[in-house]
Amino acid sequence: MRAPSPWKHSGASSALRSWAQTGPDAAERIARAVIDFALQMLTEDHEDVADVLRHLEAVGVGQALDAHPAPAGAHHG
């Protein structure tokens, strides 16, 4: 008996099946489409992706430090 697919209720199964049927040549086009989409989502007009990623990293580090402050008496190197 075959195990049920974890993708049964999403479009992922059909998307993966379509991708598999198109062959390895589709991988580059799909990767470029994903990268272009991410660039559009991360940046606004004339923003540099590296600057945006550095800002996101700084925000994430700040949030982590806020969530898990250093113990009292601890000092940084």
C-alpha atoms as a PDB file:
ATOM      1  CA  MET A   1       0.000   0.000   0.000  1.00  0.00           C
ATOM      2  CA  ARG A   2       1.335   3.386  -0.985  1.00  0.00           C
ATOM      3  CA  ALA A   3       1.692   6.112   1.669  1.00  0.00           C
ATOM      4  CA  PRO A   4      -0.416   9.218   1.086  1.00  0.00           C
ATOM      5  CA  SER A   5       1.419  12.172  -0.372  1.00  0.00           C
ATOM      6  CA  PRO A   6       2.124  15.021   2.075  1.00  0.00           C
ATOM      7  CA  TRP A   7       1.349  17.370  -0.825  1.00  0.00           C
ATOM      8  CA  LYS A   8      -2.131  15.963  -1.475  1.00  0.00           C
ATOM      9  CA  HIS A   9      -4.086  19.061  -0.538  1.00  0.00           C
ATOM     10  CA  SER A  10      -1.845  21.636  -2.142  1.00  0.00           C
ATOM     11  CA  GLY A  11      -0.870  22.536  -5.650  1.00  0.00           C
ATOM     12  CA  ALA A  12       2.690  21.494  -4.853  1.00  0.00           C
ATOM     13  CA  SER A  13       2.176  17.945  -6.078  1.00  0.00           C
ATOM     14  CA  SER A  14       0.998  18.994  -9.505  1.00  0.00           C
ATOM     15  CA  ALA A  15       3.661  21.698  -9.676  1.00  0.00           C
ATOM     16  CA  LEU A  16       6.397  19.190  -8.838  1.00  0.00           C
ATOM     17  CA  ARG A  17       4.965  16.691 -11.323  1.00  0.00           C
ATOM     18  CA  SER A  18       4.919  19.348 -14.049  1.00  0.00           C
ATOM     19  CA  TRP A  19       8.473  20.338 -13.223  1.00  0.00           C
ATOM     20  CA  ALA A  20       9.629  16.711 -13.369  1.00  0.00           C
ATOM     21  CA  GLN A  21       7.965  16.246 -16.749  1.00  0.00           C
ATOM     22  CA  THR A  22       9.608  19.324 -18.272  1.00  0.00           C
ATOM     23  CA  GLY A  23      13.071  17.996 -17.521  1.00  0.00           C
ATOM     24  CA  PRO A  24      16.292  19.535 -16.278  1.00  0.00           C
ATOM     25  CA  ASP A  25      16.183  22.432 -18.731  1.00  0.00           C
ATOM     26  CA  ALA A  26      13.290  23.934 -16.793  1.00  0.00           C
ATOM     27  CA  ALA A  27      15.312  24.202 -13.566  1.00  0.00           C
ATOM     28  CA  GLU A  28      17.257  27.268 -14.658  1.00  0.00           C
ATOM     29  CA  ARG A  29      14.116  29.083 -15.831  1.00  0.00           C
ATOM     30  CA  ILE A  30      12.324  28.247 -12.591  1.00  0.00           C
ATOM     31  CA  ALA A  31      15.308  29.357 -10.495  1.00  0.00           C
ATOM     32  CA  ARG A  32      15.515  32.655 -12.372  1.00  0.00           C
ATOM     33  CA  ALA A  33      11.780  33.233 -11.910  1.00  0.00           C
ATOM     34  CA  VAL A  34      12.084  32.596  -8.165  1.00  0.00           C
ATOM     35  CA  ILE A  35      15.090  34.927  -7.894  1.00  0.00           C
ATOM     36  CA  ASP A  36      13.312  37.666  -9.852  1.00  0.00           C
ATOM     37  CA  PHE A  37      10.243  37.283  -7.635  1.00  0.00           C
ATOM     38  CA  ALA A  38      12.365  37.481  -4.465  1.00  0.00           C
ATOM     39  CA  LEU A  39      14.117  40.586  -5.765  1.00  0.00           C
ATOM     40  CA  GLN A  40      10.776  42.257  -6.411  1.00  0.00           C
ATOM     41  CA  MET A  41       9.495  41.324  -2.947  1.00  0.00           C
ATOM     42  CA  LEU A  42      12.648  42.375  -1.077  1.00  0.00           C
ATOM     43  CA  THR A  43      13.468  45.607  -2.795  1.00  0.00           C
ATOM     44  CA  GLU A  44      11.784  48.802  -3.771  1.00  0.00           C
ATOM     45  CA  ASP A  45      12.873  51.079  -6.581  1.00  0.00           C
ATOM     46  CA  HIS A  46      16.629  51.659  -6.621  1.00  0.00           C
ATOM     47  CA  GLU A  47      17.348  49.596  -3.479  1.00  0.00           C
ATOM     48  CA  ASP A  48      20.362  47.328  -3.389  1.00  0.00           C
ATOM     49  CA  VAL A  49      19.570  43.713  -2.497  1.00  0.00           C
ATOM     50  CA  ALA A  50      22.720  43.410  -0.363  1.00  0.00           C
ATOM     51  CA  ASP A  51      21.683  46.476   1.677  1.00  0.00           C
ATOM     52  CA  VAL A  52      18.197  45.055   2.200  1.00  0.00           C
ATOM     53  CA  LEU A  53      19.596  41.682   3.293  1.00  0.00           C
ATOM     54  CA  ARG A  54      22.050  43.362   5.712  1.00  0.00           C
ATOM     55  CA  HIS A  55      19.156  45.331   7.202  1.00  0.00           C
ATOM     56  CA  LEU A  56      17.022  42.192   7.562  1.00  0.00           C
ATOM     57  CA  GLU A  57      19.931  40.412   9.242  1.00  0.00           C
ATOM     58  CA  ALA A  58      20.433  43.297  11.699  1.00  0.00           C
ATOM     59  CA  VAL A  59      16.730  43.317  12.544  1.00  0.00           C
ATOM     60  CA  GLY A  60      16.791  39.554  13.094  1.00  0.00           C
ATOM     61  CA  VAL A  61      19.858  39.751  15.351  1.00  0.00           C
ATOM     62  CA  GLY A  62      18.225  42.566  17.324  1.00  0.00           C
ATOM     63  CA  GLN A  63      15.049  40.532  17.750  1.00  0.00           C
ATOM     64  CA  ALA A  64      17.053  37.495  18.877  1.00  0.00           C
ATOM     65  CA  LEU A  65      18.969  39.561  21.442  1.00  0.00           C
ATOM     66  CA  ASP A  66      15.730  41.085  22.713  1.00  0.00           C
ATOM     67  CA  ALA A  67      14.168  37.641  23.057  1.00  0.00           C
ATOM     68  CA  HIS A  68      17.237  36.108  24.749  1.00  0.00           C
ATOM     69  CA  PRO A  69      19.152  38.806  26.644  1.00  0.00           C
ATOM     70  CA  ALA A  70      22.568  38.038  28.084  1.00  0.00           C
ATOM     71  CA  PRO A  71      22.570  36.950  31.725  1.00  0.00           C
ATOM     72  CA  ALA A  72      23.250  39.660  34.317  1.00  0.00           C
ATOM     73  CA  GLY A  73      26.965  40.195  34.785  1.00  0.00           C
ATOM     74  CA  ALA A  74      27.885  38.811  31.383  1.00  0.00           C
ATOM     75  CA  HIS A  75      29.995  41.045  29.246  1.00  0.00           C
ATOM     76  CA  HIS A  76      30.934  40.981  25.613  1.00  0.00           C
ATOM     77  CA  GLY A  77      34.529  40.041  24.762  1.00  0.00           C
END
